[in-house]
N, C-alpha and C. Protein backbone atom coordinates (compact mmCIF):
# COMPACT_ATOMS: atom_id res chain seq x y z
N MET A 1 -25.18 -1.53 1.39
CA MET A 1 -23.96 -1.29 0.64
C MET A 1 -23.69 -2.53 -0.22
N ARG A 2 -23.47 -2.32 -1.49
CA ARG A 2 -23.14 -3.43 -2.39
C ARG A 2 -21.70 -3.86 -2.15
N VAL A 3 -21.48 -5.15 -2.12
CA VAL A 3 -20.14 -5.69 -1.88
C VAL A 3 -19.75 -6.60 -3.02
N GLU A 4 -18.63 -6.30 -3.65
CA GLU A 4 -18.03 -7.19 -4.63
C GLU A 4 -16.88 -7.87 -3.93
N ARG A 5 -16.70 -9.15 -4.20
CA ARG A 5 -15.61 -9.82 -3.52
C ARG A 5 -14.95 -10.84 -4.44
N ALA A 6 -13.69 -11.01 -4.25
CA ALA A 6 -12.92 -11.97 -5.01
C ALA A 6 -12.27 -12.92 -4.03
N ASN A 7 -12.63 -14.20 -4.09
CA ASN A 7 -12.01 -15.22 -3.24
C ASN A 7 -12.06 -14.83 -1.77
N THR A 8 -13.20 -14.31 -1.33
CA THR A 8 -13.36 -13.81 0.03
C THR A 8 -14.38 -14.66 0.77
N THR A 9 -14.09 -14.99 2.01
CA THR A 9 -15.03 -15.78 2.80
C THR A 9 -16.18 -14.91 3.30
N GLU A 10 -17.26 -15.55 3.68
CA GLU A 10 -18.40 -14.82 4.24
C GLU A 10 -18.01 -14.11 5.54
N SER A 11 -17.16 -14.73 6.34
CA SER A 11 -16.68 -14.12 7.58
C SER A 11 -15.90 -12.84 7.28
N GLN A 12 -15.05 -12.86 6.26
CA GLN A 12 -14.30 -11.66 5.88
C GLN A 12 -15.26 -10.58 5.40
N ARG A 13 -16.21 -10.96 4.55
CA ARG A 13 -17.17 -9.99 4.03
C ARG A 13 -17.93 -9.33 5.16
N GLN A 14 -18.44 -10.13 6.08
CA GLN A 14 -19.21 -9.58 7.20
C GLN A 14 -18.35 -8.69 8.10
N GLY A 15 -17.13 -9.15 8.39
CA GLY A 15 -16.26 -8.38 9.28
C GLY A 15 -15.83 -7.05 8.68
N ILE A 16 -15.45 -7.06 7.41
CA ILE A 16 -15.01 -5.82 6.76
C ILE A 16 -16.19 -4.87 6.55
N THR A 17 -17.32 -5.40 6.14
CA THR A 17 -18.51 -4.55 5.96
C THR A 17 -18.90 -3.89 7.28
N ALA A 18 -18.88 -4.67 8.37
CA ALA A 18 -19.19 -4.11 9.69
C ALA A 18 -18.18 -3.03 10.08
N MET A 19 -16.89 -3.28 9.84
CA MET A 19 -15.87 -2.28 10.18
C MET A 19 -16.10 -0.99 9.38
N MET A 20 -16.33 -1.11 8.08
CA MET A 20 -16.50 0.09 7.24
C MET A 20 -17.76 0.86 7.65
N ASP A 21 -18.85 0.14 7.96
CA ASP A 21 -20.07 0.80 8.44
C ASP A 21 -19.80 1.52 9.77
N SER A 22 -19.04 0.86 10.66
CA SER A 22 -18.73 1.45 11.96
C SER A 22 -17.85 2.68 11.82
N ILE A 23 -16.89 2.64 10.91
CA ILE A 23 -16.04 3.81 10.67
C ILE A 23 -16.90 5.01 10.33
N ALA A 24 -17.80 4.84 9.36
CA ALA A 24 -18.65 5.95 8.92
C ALA A 24 -19.56 6.44 10.04
N SER A 25 -20.21 5.54 10.77
CA SER A 25 -21.13 5.98 11.81
C SER A 25 -20.39 6.58 13.01
N ASP A 26 -19.25 6.01 13.39
CA ASP A 26 -18.49 6.56 14.51
C ASP A 26 -17.89 7.92 14.16
N LEU A 27 -17.43 8.08 12.94
CA LEU A 27 -16.89 9.37 12.50
C LEU A 27 -17.97 10.44 12.55
N ARG A 28 -19.18 10.08 12.10
CA ARG A 28 -20.31 11.01 12.13
C ARG A 28 -20.65 11.40 13.57
N ALA A 29 -20.67 10.42 14.46
CA ALA A 29 -21.11 10.67 15.83
C ALA A 29 -20.02 11.25 16.73
N GLN A 30 -18.75 10.85 16.51
CA GLN A 30 -17.69 11.19 17.46
C GLN A 30 -16.58 12.06 16.88
N GLY A 31 -16.61 12.31 15.59
CA GLY A 31 -15.59 13.15 14.98
C GLY A 31 -14.32 12.38 14.64
N PRO A 32 -13.29 13.11 14.21
CA PRO A 32 -12.07 12.49 13.69
C PRO A 32 -11.35 11.55 14.64
N ASN A 33 -11.46 11.78 15.95
CA ASN A 33 -10.78 10.88 16.89
C ASN A 33 -11.25 9.44 16.77
N ALA A 34 -12.45 9.23 16.22
CA ALA A 34 -12.97 7.87 16.05
C ALA A 34 -12.08 7.04 15.13
N TRP A 35 -11.37 7.70 14.21
CA TRP A 35 -10.48 6.97 13.29
C TRP A 35 -9.47 6.11 14.04
N LEU A 36 -8.97 6.61 15.15
CA LEU A 36 -7.86 5.94 15.84
C LEU A 36 -8.18 4.51 16.26
N ARG A 37 -9.44 4.23 16.57
CA ARG A 37 -9.76 2.86 16.99
C ARG A 37 -9.75 1.88 15.82
N TYR A 38 -9.68 2.39 14.58
CA TYR A 38 -9.67 1.52 13.40
C TYR A 38 -8.28 1.40 12.75
N PHE A 39 -7.31 2.12 13.28
CA PHE A 39 -5.93 2.02 12.78
C PHE A 39 -5.19 0.96 13.59
N GLU A 40 -4.42 0.10 12.92
CA GLU A 40 -3.57 -0.82 13.67
C GLU A 40 -2.62 0.01 14.52
N SER A 41 -2.41 -0.41 15.74
CA SER A 41 -1.62 0.39 16.67
C SER A 41 -0.15 -0.02 16.68
N ASN A 42 0.34 -0.48 15.55
CA ASN A 42 1.77 -0.82 15.48
C ASN A 42 2.49 0.16 14.56
N ALA A 43 3.80 0.06 14.56
CA ALA A 43 4.61 1.00 13.78
C ALA A 43 4.45 0.80 12.28
N GLY A 44 3.87 -0.31 11.83
CA GLY A 44 3.69 -0.57 10.41
C GLY A 44 2.56 0.20 9.77
N PHE A 45 1.66 0.76 10.58
CA PHE A 45 0.53 1.50 10.02
C PHE A 45 1.02 2.77 9.32
N PHE A 46 0.38 3.10 8.19
CA PHE A 46 0.59 4.40 7.54
C PHE A 46 -0.65 4.78 6.75
N MET A 47 -0.79 6.07 6.47
CA MET A 47 -1.88 6.57 5.63
C MET A 47 -1.31 7.62 4.68
N ALA A 48 -1.68 7.47 3.40
CA ALA A 48 -1.28 8.44 2.38
C ALA A 48 -2.53 9.04 1.75
N SER A 49 -2.37 10.21 1.16
CA SER A 49 -3.46 10.87 0.46
C SER A 49 -2.89 11.60 -0.75
N ASP A 50 -3.41 11.26 -1.90
CA ASP A 50 -2.98 11.90 -3.15
C ASP A 50 -1.47 11.92 -3.32
N GLY A 51 -0.84 10.81 -3.01
CA GLY A 51 0.60 10.69 -3.23
C GLY A 51 1.47 11.31 -2.15
N THR A 52 0.86 11.77 -1.06
CA THR A 52 1.61 12.36 0.04
C THR A 52 1.37 11.54 1.30
N MET A 53 2.42 11.31 2.06
CA MET A 53 2.29 10.57 3.31
C MET A 53 1.62 11.46 4.35
N ALA A 54 0.42 11.10 4.74
CA ALA A 54 -0.31 11.87 5.75
C ALA A 54 0.14 11.47 7.16
N PHE A 55 0.22 10.17 7.39
CA PHE A 55 0.66 9.63 8.67
C PHE A 55 1.65 8.51 8.39
N PRO A 56 2.92 8.69 8.68
CA PRO A 56 3.90 7.62 8.43
C PRO A 56 3.84 6.49 9.45
N SER A 57 3.08 6.70 10.54
CA SER A 57 2.96 5.67 11.57
C SER A 57 1.69 5.92 12.38
N ASN A 58 1.34 4.95 13.20
CA ASN A 58 0.21 5.14 14.09
C ASN A 58 0.51 6.25 15.09
N ASP A 59 1.74 6.32 15.58
CA ASP A 59 2.10 7.38 16.53
C ASP A 59 1.87 8.77 15.94
N SER A 60 2.21 8.93 14.66
CA SER A 60 2.00 10.25 14.03
C SER A 60 0.51 10.56 13.91
N ALA A 61 -0.31 9.56 13.67
CA ALA A 61 -1.77 9.77 13.60
C ALA A 61 -2.31 10.16 14.97
N VAL A 62 -1.86 9.47 16.01
CA VAL A 62 -2.30 9.77 17.38
C VAL A 62 -1.92 11.21 17.76
N LYS A 63 -0.71 11.63 17.39
CA LYS A 63 -0.26 12.99 17.72
C LYS A 63 -1.02 14.06 16.93
N ALA A 64 -1.36 13.76 15.68
CA ALA A 64 -2.03 14.75 14.82
C ALA A 64 -3.53 14.87 15.09
N MET A 65 -4.15 13.80 15.58
CA MET A 65 -5.61 13.77 15.67
C MET A 65 -6.21 14.87 16.53
N PRO A 66 -5.64 15.27 17.68
CA PRO A 66 -6.24 16.37 18.44
C PRO A 66 -6.29 17.68 17.63
N HIS A 67 -5.28 17.93 16.82
CA HIS A 67 -5.26 19.14 15.99
C HIS A 67 -6.32 19.06 14.90
N ILE A 68 -6.44 17.88 14.30
CA ILE A 68 -7.47 17.68 13.27
C ILE A 68 -8.85 17.83 13.88
N ALA A 69 -9.07 17.24 15.04
CA ALA A 69 -10.37 17.33 15.71
C ALA A 69 -10.71 18.77 16.08
N ALA A 70 -9.71 19.59 16.41
CA ALA A 70 -9.96 20.99 16.74
C ALA A 70 -10.39 21.79 15.50
N LEU A 71 -9.92 21.39 14.34
CA LEU A 71 -10.25 22.09 13.10
C LEU A 71 -11.52 21.57 12.43
N LEU A 72 -11.83 20.31 12.64
CA LEU A 72 -12.94 19.66 11.96
C LEU A 72 -14.06 19.36 12.95
N ARG A 73 -15.17 20.07 12.80
CA ARG A 73 -16.29 19.91 13.73
C ARG A 73 -17.13 18.68 13.42
N HIS A 74 -17.30 18.39 12.13
CA HIS A 74 -18.20 17.29 11.75
C HIS A 74 -17.73 16.68 10.43
N ALA A 75 -17.91 15.38 10.30
CA ALA A 75 -17.60 14.69 9.05
C ALA A 75 -18.67 13.64 8.79
N ASP A 76 -19.21 13.66 7.60
CA ASP A 76 -20.21 12.67 7.19
C ASP A 76 -19.62 11.91 6.00
N LEU A 77 -19.16 10.69 6.26
CA LEU A 77 -18.49 9.85 5.26
C LEU A 77 -19.44 8.79 4.74
N GLN A 78 -19.58 8.72 3.44
CA GLN A 78 -20.42 7.72 2.79
C GLN A 78 -19.55 6.86 1.89
N TRP A 79 -19.59 5.54 2.07
CA TRP A 79 -18.86 4.62 1.21
C TRP A 79 -19.75 4.21 0.04
N GLY A 80 -19.13 3.95 -1.10
CA GLY A 80 -19.85 3.41 -2.25
C GLY A 80 -19.75 1.90 -2.25
N ALA A 81 -19.86 1.30 -3.43
CA ALA A 81 -19.75 -0.16 -3.56
C ALA A 81 -18.39 -0.60 -3.04
N LEU A 82 -18.41 -1.54 -2.14
CA LEU A 82 -17.21 -2.00 -1.45
C LEU A 82 -16.64 -3.22 -2.15
N ARG A 83 -15.36 -3.18 -2.46
CA ARG A 83 -14.67 -4.33 -3.03
C ARG A 83 -13.74 -4.89 -1.96
N ILE A 84 -13.85 -6.19 -1.73
CA ILE A 84 -13.03 -6.87 -0.73
C ILE A 84 -12.32 -8.02 -1.43
N ASP A 85 -11.00 -8.01 -1.40
CA ASP A 85 -10.21 -9.08 -2.00
C ASP A 85 -9.37 -9.73 -0.91
N SER A 86 -9.58 -11.02 -0.71
CA SER A 86 -8.85 -11.76 0.31
C SER A 86 -7.43 -12.04 -0.16
N LEU A 87 -6.47 -11.70 0.69
CA LEU A 87 -5.06 -12.01 0.41
C LEU A 87 -4.62 -13.23 1.23
N THR A 88 -5.06 -13.28 2.49
CA THR A 88 -4.87 -14.43 3.38
C THR A 88 -6.12 -14.47 4.26
N PRO A 89 -6.26 -15.48 5.11
CA PRO A 89 -7.45 -15.49 5.99
C PRO A 89 -7.55 -14.26 6.91
N SER A 90 -6.42 -13.61 7.21
CA SER A 90 -6.47 -12.46 8.12
C SER A 90 -6.02 -11.15 7.48
N LEU A 91 -5.93 -11.11 6.15
CA LEU A 91 -5.50 -9.89 5.46
C LEU A 91 -6.32 -9.71 4.18
N VAL A 92 -6.96 -8.55 4.04
CA VAL A 92 -7.76 -8.28 2.84
C VAL A 92 -7.44 -6.90 2.29
N GLN A 93 -7.63 -6.77 0.99
CA GLN A 93 -7.54 -5.48 0.30
C GLN A 93 -8.96 -4.93 0.22
N ILE A 94 -9.12 -3.66 0.56
CA ILE A 94 -10.41 -2.98 0.50
C ILE A 94 -10.29 -1.86 -0.53
N ALA A 95 -11.33 -1.68 -1.33
CA ALA A 95 -11.37 -0.58 -2.28
C ALA A 95 -12.81 -0.11 -2.40
N THR A 96 -13.00 1.21 -2.37
CA THR A 96 -14.37 1.74 -2.45
C THR A 96 -14.35 3.23 -2.81
N PRO A 97 -15.31 3.66 -3.61
CA PRO A 97 -15.47 5.11 -3.78
C PRO A 97 -16.05 5.70 -2.49
N PHE A 98 -15.84 6.98 -2.28
CA PHE A 98 -16.39 7.64 -1.10
C PHE A 98 -16.84 9.05 -1.45
N ALA A 99 -17.74 9.56 -0.64
CA ALA A 99 -18.15 10.97 -0.68
C ALA A 99 -18.20 11.42 0.78
N GLU A 100 -17.67 12.61 1.04
CA GLU A 100 -17.60 13.08 2.42
C GLU A 100 -17.94 14.56 2.48
N THR A 101 -18.73 14.90 3.48
CA THR A 101 -19.02 16.30 3.77
C THR A 101 -18.32 16.64 5.07
N LEU A 102 -17.46 17.64 5.01
CA LEU A 102 -16.69 18.08 6.17
C LEU A 102 -17.17 19.47 6.59
N VAL A 103 -17.29 19.68 7.89
CA VAL A 103 -17.66 20.99 8.42
C VAL A 103 -16.56 21.40 9.39
N ASP A 104 -15.93 22.55 9.11
CA ASP A 104 -14.83 22.99 9.96
C ASP A 104 -15.34 23.72 11.20
N SER A 105 -14.44 24.12 12.05
CA SER A 105 -14.82 24.75 13.32
C SER A 105 -15.51 26.10 13.12
N ALA A 106 -15.35 26.72 11.95
CA ALA A 106 -16.04 27.98 11.66
C ALA A 106 -17.40 27.74 11.00
N GLY A 107 -17.77 26.47 10.77
CA GLY A 107 -19.05 26.15 10.16
C GLY A 107 -19.01 26.06 8.64
N LYS A 108 -17.83 26.22 8.04
CA LYS A 108 -17.72 26.14 6.59
C LYS A 108 -17.78 24.68 6.15
N GLU A 109 -18.62 24.41 5.15
CA GLU A 109 -18.81 23.05 4.66
C GLU A 109 -18.00 22.83 3.38
N MET A 110 -17.39 21.66 3.30
CA MET A 110 -16.64 21.28 2.10
C MET A 110 -17.02 19.85 1.75
N LYS A 111 -17.28 19.61 0.48
CA LYS A 111 -17.61 18.26 0.00
C LYS A 111 -16.44 17.75 -0.81
N ILE A 112 -16.03 16.51 -0.51
CA ILE A 112 -14.97 15.87 -1.28
C ILE A 112 -15.45 14.47 -1.65
N SER A 113 -14.83 13.92 -2.68
CA SER A 113 -15.12 12.55 -3.07
C SER A 113 -13.87 11.98 -3.71
N GLY A 114 -13.88 10.68 -3.89
CA GLY A 114 -12.74 10.04 -4.50
C GLY A 114 -12.79 8.54 -4.30
N TYR A 115 -11.61 7.95 -4.11
CA TYR A 115 -11.50 6.51 -3.99
C TYR A 115 -10.57 6.19 -2.82
N PHE A 116 -10.97 5.21 -2.03
CA PHE A 116 -10.25 4.80 -0.83
C PHE A 116 -9.79 3.36 -1.01
N THR A 117 -8.52 3.10 -0.71
CA THR A 117 -8.01 1.74 -0.70
C THR A 117 -7.27 1.51 0.61
N ALA A 118 -7.27 0.27 1.06
CA ALA A 118 -6.61 -0.05 2.32
C ALA A 118 -6.33 -1.54 2.40
N LEU A 119 -5.37 -1.88 3.24
CA LEU A 119 -5.20 -3.26 3.68
C LEU A 119 -5.78 -3.32 5.09
N ALA A 120 -6.59 -4.34 5.32
CA ALA A 120 -7.15 -4.55 6.66
C ALA A 120 -6.64 -5.88 7.18
N HIS A 121 -6.32 -5.89 8.47
CA HIS A 121 -5.76 -7.07 9.12
C HIS A 121 -6.68 -7.48 10.27
N ARG A 122 -6.96 -8.77 10.36
CA ARG A 122 -7.77 -9.27 11.48
C ARG A 122 -6.83 -9.80 12.55
N GLY A 123 -6.88 -9.15 13.71
CA GLY A 123 -6.07 -9.56 14.86
C GLY A 123 -6.96 -9.88 16.04
N GLU A 124 -6.37 -9.84 17.22
CA GLU A 124 -7.11 -10.14 18.44
C GLU A 124 -8.27 -9.17 18.68
N ASP A 125 -8.12 -7.92 18.22
CA ASP A 125 -9.16 -6.89 18.40
C ASP A 125 -10.10 -6.79 17.22
N GLY A 126 -10.10 -7.78 16.32
CA GLY A 126 -10.95 -7.72 15.15
C GLY A 126 -10.22 -7.07 13.98
N TRP A 127 -10.98 -6.59 13.02
CA TRP A 127 -10.41 -5.98 11.81
C TRP A 127 -9.95 -4.56 12.08
N LYS A 128 -8.75 -4.23 11.63
CA LYS A 128 -8.17 -2.88 11.73
C LYS A 128 -7.50 -2.55 10.41
N LEU A 129 -7.36 -1.27 10.14
CA LEU A 129 -6.66 -0.83 8.92
C LEU A 129 -5.16 -0.89 9.16
N ARG A 130 -4.49 -1.62 8.33
CA ARG A 130 -3.02 -1.72 8.40
C ARG A 130 -2.39 -0.54 7.68
N ASN A 131 -3.03 -0.12 6.59
CA ASN A 131 -2.63 1.09 5.87
C ASN A 131 -3.81 1.57 5.07
N ALA A 132 -3.74 2.80 4.57
CA ALA A 132 -4.85 3.37 3.82
C ALA A 132 -4.33 4.42 2.86
N HIS A 133 -5.08 4.61 1.77
CA HIS A 133 -4.77 5.66 0.80
C HIS A 133 -6.06 6.28 0.29
N TRP A 134 -6.09 7.59 0.27
CA TRP A 134 -7.22 8.36 -0.26
C TRP A 134 -6.79 9.00 -1.57
N SER A 135 -7.55 8.80 -2.61
CA SER A 135 -7.37 9.52 -3.87
C SER A 135 -8.57 10.43 -4.01
N ILE A 136 -8.34 11.72 -3.95
CA ILE A 136 -9.42 12.69 -3.94
C ILE A 136 -9.59 13.29 -5.33
N VAL A 137 -10.85 13.40 -5.76
CA VAL A 137 -11.15 14.03 -7.04
C VAL A 137 -10.98 15.53 -6.87
N HIS A 138 -10.16 16.12 -7.73
CA HIS A 138 -9.93 17.56 -7.70
C HIS A 138 -10.58 18.18 -8.93
N PRO A 139 -11.13 19.38 -8.80
CA PRO A 139 -11.74 20.02 -9.96
C PRO A 139 -10.71 20.20 -11.08
N ALA A 140 -11.18 20.03 -12.29
CA ALA A 140 -10.29 20.24 -13.44
C ALA A 140 -9.96 21.72 -13.56
N ALA A 141 -8.77 21.99 -14.04
CA ALA A 141 -8.36 23.38 -14.27
C ALA A 141 -9.23 23.95 -15.39
N PRO A 142 -9.62 25.20 -15.26
CA PRO A 142 -10.46 25.79 -16.30
C PRO A 142 -9.72 25.85 -17.64
N THR A 143 -10.45 25.58 -18.68
CA THR A 143 -9.89 25.64 -20.03
C THR A 143 -10.16 27.03 -20.59
N PRO A 144 -9.14 27.72 -21.06
CA PRO A 144 -9.38 29.07 -21.61
C PRO A 144 -10.21 28.97 -22.88
N SER A 145 -11.09 29.94 -23.06
CA SER A 145 -11.90 29.96 -24.29
C SER A 145 -11.00 30.37 -25.45
N PRO A 146 -11.34 29.92 -26.67
CA PRO A 146 -10.48 30.20 -27.83
C PRO A 146 -10.22 31.69 -28.04
N GLY A 147 -11.18 32.54 -27.77
CA GLY A 147 -11.00 33.97 -27.97
C GLY A 147 -10.09 34.62 -26.95
N LYS A 148 -9.82 33.95 -25.85
CA LYS A 148 -9.02 34.50 -24.77
C LYS A 148 -7.57 34.04 -24.80
N LEU A 149 -7.23 33.17 -25.72
CA LEU A 149 -5.86 32.67 -25.79
C LEU A 149 -4.92 33.80 -26.20
N SER A 150 -3.84 33.92 -25.49
CA SER A 150 -2.88 34.95 -25.87
C SER A 150 -1.99 34.42 -26.99
N LYS A 151 -1.46 35.33 -27.76
CA LYS A 151 -0.57 34.95 -28.85
C LYS A 151 0.79 34.61 -28.27
N PRO A 152 1.42 33.56 -28.79
CA PRO A 152 2.76 33.23 -28.29
C PRO A 152 3.75 34.34 -28.63
N PRO A 153 4.74 34.57 -27.76
CA PRO A 153 5.74 35.60 -28.05
C PRO A 153 6.57 35.21 -29.26
N ARG A 154 7.05 36.22 -29.99
CA ARG A 154 7.88 35.96 -31.19
C ARG A 154 9.30 36.28 -30.92
């Protein structure tokens, strides 16, 4: 994985790269519940997706995860070039494109991609996500062909 970094120590680069690699491999092997070990377990944690609050706290993520795991049989998450920007020795901004293949409990496969950003904090248990945001690429709305345009009402 290519890593771009701004004012980041080698220790931060290694720690964040290892965490991001572990997230992807644990998610693939263990399913959605694997996410919980990478979320900070305090009330300050939150996750948003496309401008909507997905989890306003770690408690909400813990409560929702069994339902998500029941619906999602498999997830294969691939990170793109990772950007790590050091804010303090124990706090970094992470940004990376992603591509993910999701398989639901009925076997239906869905592919999504987009951009992931997060703050990661290094505490006693190593690096954890303090917050996260997913921006997902959505298909563009179809453009009507010129011959199909309706005439405006008069």
